[in-house]
Amino acid sequence: MAKKKYTKREMEPFKRVLLHQRNLVTGNLTSLDGEGRGSSGDEGDLSSENFEIELTLSTMQSETNLVNEIDEALKRIDEGTYGVCEDTGDLIPTARLEAVPWTRLCVAAQERREKP
């Protein structure tokens, strides 16, 4: 019979990685939040400043989304459902979890969702 979930001991290294990643990303968000607050006062720099602000906001949104994904993965660890594909119910291989520790899907399910 195929194994249906990871043990708490097997999930522990992933929890540490997720917490570390979360700390890195939230640190990035804090530093990004401080960017773009100053003004150069030069009208010629306004378009480049606007571009930098848009880039910063886009990066912050991506990192906020990543923090949410990490938080959801940590919740799945607490619930004992971490590492189980949401689409197939099969275990996600550890190699995939090592590459993308917040993933919810096995590779096959991810590919199916990405098809147009």
C-alpha atoms as a PDB file:
ATOM      1  CA  MET A   1       0.000   0.000   0.000  1.00  0.00           C
ATOM      2  CA  ALA A   2       1.342   3.422  -0.988  1.00  0.00           C
ATOM      3  CA  LYS A   3       2.190   5.886   1.729  1.00  0.00           C
ATOM      4  CA  LYS A   4      -0.427   8.657   1.953  1.00  0.00           C
ATOM      5  CA  LYS A   5       1.331  11.282   4.084  1.00  0.00           C
ATOM      6  CA  TYR A   6       4.661  12.306   5.531  1.00  0.00           C
ATOM      7  CA  THR A   7       5.445  11.822   9.211  1.00  0.00           C
ATOM      8  CA  LYS A   8       6.058  14.786  11.519  1.00  0.00           C
ATOM      9  CA  ARG A   9       9.749  13.852  11.554  1.00  0.00           C
ATOM     10  CA  GLU A  10       9.857  13.876   7.730  1.00  0.00           C
ATOM     11  CA  MET A  11       8.120  17.272   7.611  1.00  0.00           C
ATOM     12  CA  GLU A  12      10.404  18.949  10.169  1.00  0.00           C
ATOM     13  CA  PRO A  13      13.238  19.846   7.734  1.00  0.00           C
ATOM     14  CA  PHE A  14      10.678  21.371   5.369  1.00  0.00           C
ATOM     15  CA  LYS A  15       9.227  23.413   8.215  1.00  0.00           C
ATOM     16  CA  ARG A  16      12.682  24.817   8.981  1.00  0.00           C
ATOM     17  CA  VAL A  17      13.249  25.674   5.305  1.00  0.00           C
ATOM     18  CA  LEU A  18       9.832  27.336   5.049  1.00  0.00           C
ATOM     19  CA  LEU A  19      10.410  29.403   8.189  1.00  0.00           C
ATOM     20  CA  HIS A  20      13.839  30.455   6.894  1.00  0.00           C
ATOM     21  CA  GLN A  21      12.371  31.419   3.491  1.00  0.00           C
ATOM     22  CA  ARG A  22       9.594  33.351   5.205  1.00  0.00           C
ATOM     23  CA  ASN A  23      12.141  35.318   7.238  1.00  0.00           C
ATOM     24  CA  LEU A  24      14.143  36.107   4.101  1.00  0.00           C
ATOM     25  CA  VAL A  25      11.097  37.262   2.147  1.00  0.00           C
ATOM     26  CA  THR A  26       9.622  39.337   4.965  1.00  0.00           C
ATOM     27  CA  GLY A  27      13.018  40.966   5.394  1.00  0.00           C
ATOM     28  CA  ASN A  28      12.940  41.821   1.690  1.00  0.00           C
ATOM     29  CA  LEU A  29       9.431  43.243   2.031  1.00  0.00           C
ATOM     30  CA  THR A  30      10.548  45.467   4.887  1.00  0.00           C
ATOM     31  CA  SER A  31      13.464  46.842   2.884  1.00  0.00           C
ATOM     32  CA  LEU A  32      11.313  47.278  -0.241  1.00  0.00           C
ATOM     33  CA  ASP A  33       8.704  49.167   1.759  1.00  0.00           C
ATOM     34  CA  GLY A  34      11.345  51.755   2.621  1.00  0.00           C
ATOM     35  CA  GLU A  35      12.343  52.276  -1.003  1.00  0.00           C
ATOM     36  CA  GLY A  36      10.758  54.895  -3.179  1.00  0.00           C
ATOM     37  CA  ARG A  37       9.696  57.096  -0.272  1.00  0.00           C
ATOM     38  CA  GLY A  38      12.209  59.815  -0.958  1.00  0.00           C
ATOM     39  CA  SER A  39      11.867  62.340  -3.752  1.00  0.00           C
ATOM     40  CA  SER A  40      14.708  63.613  -5.851  1.00  0.00           C
ATOM     41  CA  GLY A  41      12.858  66.841  -6.602  1.00  0.00           C
ATOM     42  CA  ASP A  42      14.079  66.746 -10.215  1.00  0.00           C
ATOM     43  CA  GLU A  43      11.221  66.680 -12.748  1.00  0.00           C
ATOM     44  CA  GLY A  44      13.441  64.858 -15.260  1.00  0.00           C
ATOM     45  CA  ASP A  45      13.753  61.915 -12.893  1.00  0.00           C
ATOM     46  CA  LEU A  46      10.001  61.605 -12.388  1.00  0.00           C
ATOM     47  CA  SER A  47       9.446  58.931 -15.048  1.00  0.00           C
ATOM     48  CA  SER A  48      12.334  56.795 -13.818  1.00  0.00           C
ATOM     49  CA  GLU A  49      11.119  57.266 -10.242  1.00  0.00           C
ATOM     50  CA  ASN A  50       7.604  56.174 -11.270  1.00  0.00           C
ATOM     51  CA  PHE A  51       9.073  53.110 -12.974  1.00  0.00           C
ATOM     52  CA  GLU A  52      11.044  52.232  -9.834  1.00  0.00           C
ATOM     53  CA  ILE A  53       7.922  52.626  -7.688  1.00  0.00           C
ATOM     54  CA  GLU A  54       5.920  50.355 -10.013  1.00  0.00           C
ATOM     55  CA  LEU A  55       8.724  47.788  -9.999  1.00  0.00           C
ATOM     56  CA  THR A  56       8.928  47.926  -6.208  1.00  0.00           C
ATOM     57  CA  LEU A  57       5.158  47.520  -5.851  1.00  0.00           C
ATOM     58  CA  SER A  58       5.167  44.579  -8.256  1.00  0.00           C
ATOM     59  CA  THR A  59       8.003  42.922  -6.355  1.00  0.00           C
ATOM     60  CA  MET A  60       6.225  43.536  -3.044  1.00  0.00           C
ATOM     61  CA  GLN A  61       3.046  41.927  -4.419  1.00  0.00           C
ATOM     62  CA  SER A  62       4.979  38.872  -5.616  1.00  0.00           C
ATOM     63  CA  GLU A  63       6.730  38.539  -2.281  1.00  0.00           C
ATOM     64  CA  THR A  64       3.471  39.028  -0.383  1.00  0.00           C
ATOM     65  CA  ASN A  65       1.975  36.200  -2.441  1.00  0.00           C
ATOM     66  CA  LEU A  66       4.993  34.042  -1.621  1.00  0.00           C
ATOM     67  CA  VAL A  67       4.611  34.751   2.112  1.00  0.00           C
ATOM     68  CA  ASN A  68       0.961  33.674   1.828  1.00  0.00           C
ATOM     69  CA  GLU A  69       1.984  30.434   0.076  1.00  0.00           C
ATOM     70  CA  ILE A  70       4.609  29.759   2.763  1.00  0.00           C
ATOM     71  CA  ASP A  71       2.076  30.425   5.518  1.00  0.00           C
ATOM     72  CA  GLU A  72      -0.357  28.002   3.886  1.00  0.00           C
ATOM     73  CA  ALA A  73       2.392  25.357   3.646  1.00  0.00           C
ATOM     74  CA  LEU A  74       3.196  25.825   7.351  1.00  0.00           C
ATOM     75  CA  LYS A  75      -0.504  25.420   8.110  1.00  0.00           C
ATOM     76  CA  ARG A  76      -0.554  22.173   6.119  1.00  0.00           C
ATOM     77  CA  ILE A  77       2.418  20.938   8.173  1.00  0.00           C
ATOM     78  CA  ASP A  78       0.487  21.674  11.377  1.00  0.00           C
ATOM     79  CA  GLU A  79      -2.576  19.880   9.952  1.00  0.00           C
ATOM     80  CA  GLY A  80      -0.514  16.902   8.772  1.00  0.00           C
ATOM     81  CA  THR A  81      -1.480  17.363   5.103  1.00  0.00           C
ATOM     82  CA  TYR A  82       1.812  18.851   3.898  1.00  0.00           C
ATOM     83  CA  GLY A  83       3.312  17.118   0.870  1.00  0.00           C
ATOM     84  CA  VAL A  84       0.014  15.698  -0.379  1.00  0.00           C
ATOM     85  CA  CYS A  85      -1.022  16.828  -3.868  1.00  0.00           C
ATOM     86  CA  GLU A  86      -4.285  18.768  -3.708  1.00  0.00           C
ATOM     87  CA  ASP A  87      -5.419  17.373  -7.074  1.00  0.00           C
ATOM     88  CA  THR A  88      -4.394  13.713  -6.925  1.00  0.00           C
ATOM     89  CA  GLY A  89      -4.122  12.995  -3.199  1.00  0.00           C
ATOM     90  CA  ASP A  90      -0.741  11.358  -3.843  1.00  0.00           C
ATOM     91  CA  LEU A  91       2.454  12.228  -2.021  1.00  0.00           C
ATOM     92  CA  ILE A  92       4.499  14.949  -3.670  1.00  0.00           C
ATOM     93  CA  PRO A  93       8.039  13.584  -4.159  1.00  0.00           C
ATOM     94  CA  THR A  94      10.594  15.010  -1.732  1.00  0.00           C
ATOM     95  CA  ALA A  95      12.706  16.297  -4.648  1.00  0.00           C
ATOM     96  CA  ARG A  96       9.808  18.562  -5.672  1.00  0.00           C
ATOM     97  CA  LEU A  97       9.260  19.694  -2.086  1.00  0.00           C
ATOM     98  CA  GLU A  98      12.967  20.483  -1.796  1.00  0.00           C
ATOM     99  CA  ALA A  99      12.793  22.564  -4.993  1.00  0.00           C
ATOM    100  CA  VAL A 100       9.500  24.324  -4.147  1.00  0.00           C
ATOM    101  CA  PRO A 101       8.754  23.685  -0.468  1.00  0.00           C
ATOM    102  CA  TRP A 102       5.443  25.609  -0.529  1.00  0.00           C
ATOM    103  CA  THR A 103       4.027  23.663  -3.485  1.00  0.00           C
ATOM    104  CA  ARG A 104       0.520  22.227  -3.266  1.00  0.00           C
ATOM    105  CA  LEU A 105       0.744  20.072  -6.378  1.00  0.00           C
ATOM    106  CA  CYS A 106       2.816  17.272  -7.838  1.00  0.00           C
ATOM    107  CA  VAL A 107       4.497  18.036 -11.175  1.00  0.00           C
ATOM    108  CA  ALA A 108       1.835  16.238 -13.259  1.00  0.00           C
ATOM    109  CA  ALA A 109      -1.004  18.135 -11.576  1.00  0.00           C
ATOM    110  CA  GLN A 110       0.855  21.444 -11.952  1.00  0.00           C
ATOM    111  CA  GLU A 111       1.374  20.779 -15.664  1.00  0.00           C
ATOM    112  CA  ARG A 112      -2.323  19.940 -16.123  1.00  0.00           C
ATOM    113  CA  ARG A 113      -3.346  23.206 -14.467  1.00  0.00           C
ATOM    114  CA  GLU A 114      -0.968  25.232 -16.613  1.00  0.00           C
ATOM    115  CA  LYS A 115      -2.280  23.860 -19.912  1.00  0.00           C
ATOM    116  CA  PRO A 116      -4.468  26.351 -21.770  1.00  0.00           C
END
